Each structure stands twice: as C-alpha cells, then as structure tokens.
C-alpha atoms as a PDB file:
ATOM      1  CA  UNK A   1      -7.971 -84.520 169.177  1.00  0.00           C
ATOM      2  CA  UNK A   2      -8.610 -85.076 172.862  1.00  0.00           C
ATOM      3  CA  UNK A   3      -7.707 -83.262 175.969  1.00  0.00           C
ATOM      4  CA  UNK A   4      -6.847 -85.129 179.370  1.00  0.00           C
ATOM      5  CA  UNK A   5      -8.320 -82.920 182.137  1.00  0.00           C
ATOM      6  CA  UNK A   6      -6.321 -84.794 184.990  1.00  0.00           C
ATOM      7  CA  UNK A   7      -3.140 -84.876 182.992  1.00  0.00           C
ATOM      8  CA  UNK A   8      -3.349 -81.131 182.392  1.00  0.00           C
ATOM      9  CA  UNK A   9      -4.368 -80.270 185.887  1.00  0.00           C
ATOM     10  CA  UNK A  10      -1.207 -82.178 187.233  1.00  0.00           C
ATOM     11  CA  UNK A  11       0.916 -80.020 184.696  1.00  0.00           C
ATOM     12  CA  UNK A  12      -0.073 -76.805 186.403  1.00  0.00           C
ATOM     13  CA  UNK A  13       1.505 -74.628 187.260  1.00  0.00           C
ATOM     14  CA  UNK A  14       3.691 -74.339 184.079  1.00  0.00           C
ATOM     15  CA  UNK A  15       7.123 -72.745 184.182  1.00  0.00           C
ATOM     16  CA  UNK A  16       7.566 -69.312 185.683  1.00  0.00           C
ATOM     17  CA  UNK A  17       7.368 -66.267 183.463  1.00  0.00           C
ATOM     18  CA  UNK A  18       7.777 -62.594 183.755  1.00  0.00           C
ATOM     19  CA  UNK A  19       4.058 -62.246 184.915  1.00  0.00           C
ATOM     20  CA  UNK A  20       3.935 -65.370 186.871  1.00  0.00           C
ATOM     21  CA  UNK A  21       7.299 -65.918 188.837  1.00  0.00           C
ATOM     22  CA  UNK A  22       5.805 -68.874 190.814  1.00  0.00           C
ATOM     23  CA  UNK A  23       4.449 -70.586 187.812  1.00  0.00           C
ATOM     24  CA  UNK A  24       1.935 -69.983 184.970  1.00  0.00           C
ATOM     25  CA  UNK A  25      -1.581 -70.928 185.862  1.00  0.00           C
ATOM     26  CA  UNK A  26      -2.636 -72.197 182.427  1.00  0.00           C
ATOM     27  CA  UNK A  27      -1.679 -74.766 180.007  1.00  0.00           C
ATOM     28  CA  UNK A  28      -2.795 -75.184 176.303  1.00  0.00           C
ATOM     29  CA  UNK A  29      -4.854 -78.288 175.761  1.00  0.00           C
ATOM     30  CA  UNK A  30      -6.016 -78.065 172.116  1.00  0.00           C
ATOM     31  CA  UNK A  31      -5.535 -76.020 169.104  1.00  0.00           C
ATOM     32  CA  UNK A  32      -6.905 -75.928 165.487  1.00  0.00           C
ATOM     33  CA  UNK A  33      -7.251 -73.037 163.057  1.00  0.00           C
ATOM     34  CA  UNK A  34      -8.274 -70.016 165.130  1.00  0.00           C
ATOM     35  CA  UNK A  35      -9.354 -72.099 168.070  1.00  0.00           C
ATOM     36  CA  UNK A  36      -7.329 -72.669 171.246  1.00  0.00           C
ATOM     37  CA  UNK A  37      -8.282 -74.327 174.349  1.00  0.00           C
ATOM     38  CA  UNK A  38      -6.598 -73.884 177.654  1.00  0.00           C
ATOM     39  CA  UNK A  39      -7.100 -75.108 181.170  1.00  0.00           C
ATOM     40  CA  UNK A  40      -6.694 -72.144 183.821  1.00  0.00           C
ATOM     41  CA  UNK A  41      -6.449 -72.487 187.436  1.00  0.00           C
ATOM     42  CA  UNK A  42      -5.704 -69.218 188.864  1.00  0.00           C
ATOM     43  CA  UNK A  43      -4.640 -70.367 192.142  1.00  0.00           C
ATOM     44  CA  UNK A  44      -1.700 -72.218 190.642  1.00  0.00           C
ATOM     45  CA  UNK A  45       0.251 -69.070 190.068  1.00  0.00           C
ATOM     46  CA  UNK A  46       0.577 -68.444 193.766  1.00  0.00           C
ATOM     47  CA  UNK A  47      -0.450 -64.660 193.333  1.00  0.00           C
ATOM     48  CA  UNK A  48      -3.841 -64.990 194.996  1.00  0.00           C
ATOM     49  CA  UNK A  49      -5.293 -62.954 192.028  1.00  0.00           C
ATOM     50  CA  UNK A  50      -6.133 -63.153 188.366  1.00  0.00           C
ATOM     51  CA  UNK A  51      -3.928 -60.708 186.305  1.00  0.00           C
ATOM     52  CA  UNK A  52      -5.080 -61.652 182.824  1.00  0.00           C
ATOM     53  CA  UNK A  53      -5.386 -58.800 180.383  1.00  0.00           C
ATOM     54  CA  UNK A  54      -7.974 -58.472 177.487  1.00  0.00           C
ATOM     55  CA  UNK A  55      -7.559 -60.887 174.648  1.00  0.00           C
ATOM     56  CA  UNK A  56      -7.783 -60.222 170.955  1.00  0.00           C
ATOM     57  CA  UNK A  57     -10.178 -63.210 170.314  1.00  0.00           C
ATOM     58  CA  UNK A  58     -13.710 -63.932 171.781  1.00  0.00           C
ATOM     59  CA  UNK A  59     -13.549 -66.296 174.570  1.00  0.00           C
ATOM     60  CA  UNK A  60     -15.730 -69.017 176.369  1.00  0.00           C
ATOM     61  CA  UNK A  61     -15.112 -70.055 179.819  1.00  0.00           C
ATOM     62  CA  UNK A  62     -16.602 -73.388 181.102  1.00  0.00           C
ATOM     63  CA  UNK A  63     -16.092 -73.637 184.723  1.00  0.00           C
ATOM     64  CA  UNK A  64     -14.958 -77.257 185.496  1.00  0.00           C
ATOM     65  CA  UNK A  65     -14.659 -77.039 189.239  1.00  0.00           C
ATOM     66  CA  UNK A  66     -14.833 -74.585 192.108  1.00  0.00           C
ATOM     67  CA  UNK A  67     -16.368 -71.145 192.719  1.00  0.00           C
ATOM     68  CA  UNK A  68     -15.313 -67.585 191.854  1.00  0.00           C
ATOM     69  CA  UNK A  69     -16.384 -64.063 191.377  1.00  0.00           C
ATOM     70  CA  UNK A  70     -16.250 -62.822 187.986  1.00  0.00           C
ATOM     71  CA  UNK A  71     -15.669 -59.153 186.896  1.00  0.00           C
ATOM     72  CA  UNK A  72     -16.569 -58.368 183.190  1.00  0.00           C
ATOM     73  CA  UNK A  73     -16.343 -54.758 182.195  1.00  0.00           C
ATOM     74  CA  UNK A  74     -17.654 -53.343 185.591  1.00  0.00           C
ATOM     75  CA  UNK A  75     -20.363 -56.024 186.194  1.00  0.00           C
ATOM     76  CA  UNK A  76     -19.877 -58.662 188.904  1.00  0.00           C
ATOM     77  CA  UNK A  77     -21.409 -62.194 189.048  1.00  0.00           C
ATOM     78  CA  UNK A  78     -20.867 -65.393 191.001  1.00  0.00           C
ATOM     79  CA  UNK A  79     -19.594 -68.476 189.041  1.00  0.00           C
ATOM     80  CA  UNK A  80     -19.569 -72.111 189.864  1.00  0.00           C
ATOM     81  CA  UNK A  81     -19.064 -75.762 188.433  1.00  0.00           C
ATOM     82  CA  UNK A  82     -20.948 -76.017 185.137  1.00  0.00           C
ATOM     83  CA  UNK A  83     -21.312 -72.304 184.457  1.00  0.00           C
ATOM     84  CA  UNK A  84     -20.268 -71.025 180.879  1.00  0.00           C
ATOM     85  CA  UNK A  85     -19.339 -67.446 180.450  1.00  0.00           C
ATOM     86  CA  UNK A  86     -18.744 -65.619 176.958  1.00  0.00           C
ATOM     87  CA  UNK A  87     -16.184 -62.641 176.870  1.00  0.00           C
ATOM     88  CA  UNK A  88     -16.033 -60.585 173.830  1.00  0.00           C
ATOM     89  CA  UNK A  89     -12.597 -59.884 172.359  1.00  0.00           C
ATOM     90  CA  UNK A  90     -10.943 -56.897 173.907  1.00  0.00           C
ATOM     91  CA  UNK A  91     -13.204 -56.851 177.130  1.00  0.00           C
ATOM     92  CA  UNK A  92     -11.631 -56.405 180.374  1.00  0.00           C
ATOM     93  CA  UNK A  93     -12.311 -59.293 182.734  1.00  0.00           C
ATOM     94  CA  UNK A  94     -10.984 -61.313 185.700  1.00  0.00           C
ATOM     95  CA  UNK A  95     -11.968 -64.078 188.163  1.00  0.00           C
ATOM     96  CA  UNK A  96     -12.034 -62.832 192.013  1.00  0.00           C
ATOM     97  CA  UNK A  97     -12.025 -64.400 195.203  1.00  0.00           C
ATOM     98  CA  UNK A  98     -11.805 -67.834 193.618  1.00  0.00           C
ATOM     99  CA  UNK A  99     -11.577 -71.047 195.568  1.00  0.00           C
ATOM    100  CA  UNK A 100      -8.364 -72.811 195.741  1.00  0.00           C
ATOM    101  CA  UNK A 101      -9.876 -75.593 193.687  1.00  0.00           C
ATOM    102  CA  UNK A 102     -11.482 -73.267 190.906  1.00  0.00           C
ATOM    103  CA  UNK A 103     -10.425 -74.727 187.376  1.00  0.00           C
ATOM    104  CA  UNK A 104     -11.936 -73.489 184.049  1.00  0.00           C
ATOM    105  CA  UNK A 105     -11.579 -74.380 180.506  1.00  0.00           C
ATOM    106  CA  UNK A 106     -10.932 -71.404 178.252  1.00  0.00           C
ATOM    107  CA  UNK A 107     -11.964 -71.416 174.635  1.00  0.00           C
ATOM    108  CA  UNK A 108     -10.312 -68.719 172.429  1.00  0.00           C
ATOM    109  CA  UNK A 109     -11.781 -68.596 168.802  1.00  0.00           C
ATOM    110  CA  UNK A 110     -12.533 -66.543 165.773  1.00  0.00           C
ATOM    111  CA  UNK A 111     -10.549 -63.557 164.227  1.00  0.00           C
ATOM    112  CA  UNK A 112      -8.586 -60.860 166.195  1.00  0.00           C
ATOM    113  CA  UNK A 113     -11.228 -58.180 167.231  1.00  0.00           C
ATOM    114  CA  UNK A 114     -13.986 -60.884 167.746  1.00  0.00           C
ATOM    115  CA  UNK A 115     -16.810 -62.141 165.510  1.00  0.00           C
ATOM    116  CA  UNK A 116     -19.182 -59.731 164.237  1.00  0.00           C
ATOM    117  CA  UNK A 117     -22.820 -60.483 164.905  1.00  0.00           C
END
C-alpha cells in the first residue's frame, strides 16, 4: 500500500458534510485492520478552526507541513513540520491558530478505548 501525499492534498477539501458545509478537511489515505491513515488540513474546511471530537482509537499525528498550536486535555504546545504527537483514545484535543499550509498525517490504530500499557 502507498499513499500519494500530493494527490491526497489536491483532493482536499472533500465533499461538504453536516459539520463541514464548505468541505471536509481530511481524506482517507490507507486502511488495514484496525489501522486507518488520513491526511488532515484543517484550513481546507474554511471554518478557521478545528472542530474534531475525541476519537475511539489511539492516534498519532505526524506534522507534514506548517505550524500550529495544539491543545490536548488542557495542555497547549506549539507544533511544526516533523513533529509527532500521540493522543490517547477518548482524549479531547484540537489544533489552534494553524498556518494556512498546516497539514498532518493522522494514524488511528488499535482497539476502541485505546491500547492498554
């Protein structure tokens, strides 16, 4: 399996949805078993903010391009190209004040409720 970054980026935004009337800012790149990889560019929605909700699976974000603030359960940090973030299943999180060119890979994996250490 292979995901083509440029082709996926050109496919954004995806079709409008109830939460994203101007277009959905993510596209599925790969899937296998419990693993799903998406490309997420929050500026593509035209909302100017990240409205995602907590997810049932653990997540990894690999920042492909740009800069952003990142809020995770009350803690804020700055992220940039090359950073990797872990978000446990069910944790509230969002990107804030992201640059127009901010793009990140999102990897969802494992069982609902997250992996147990």
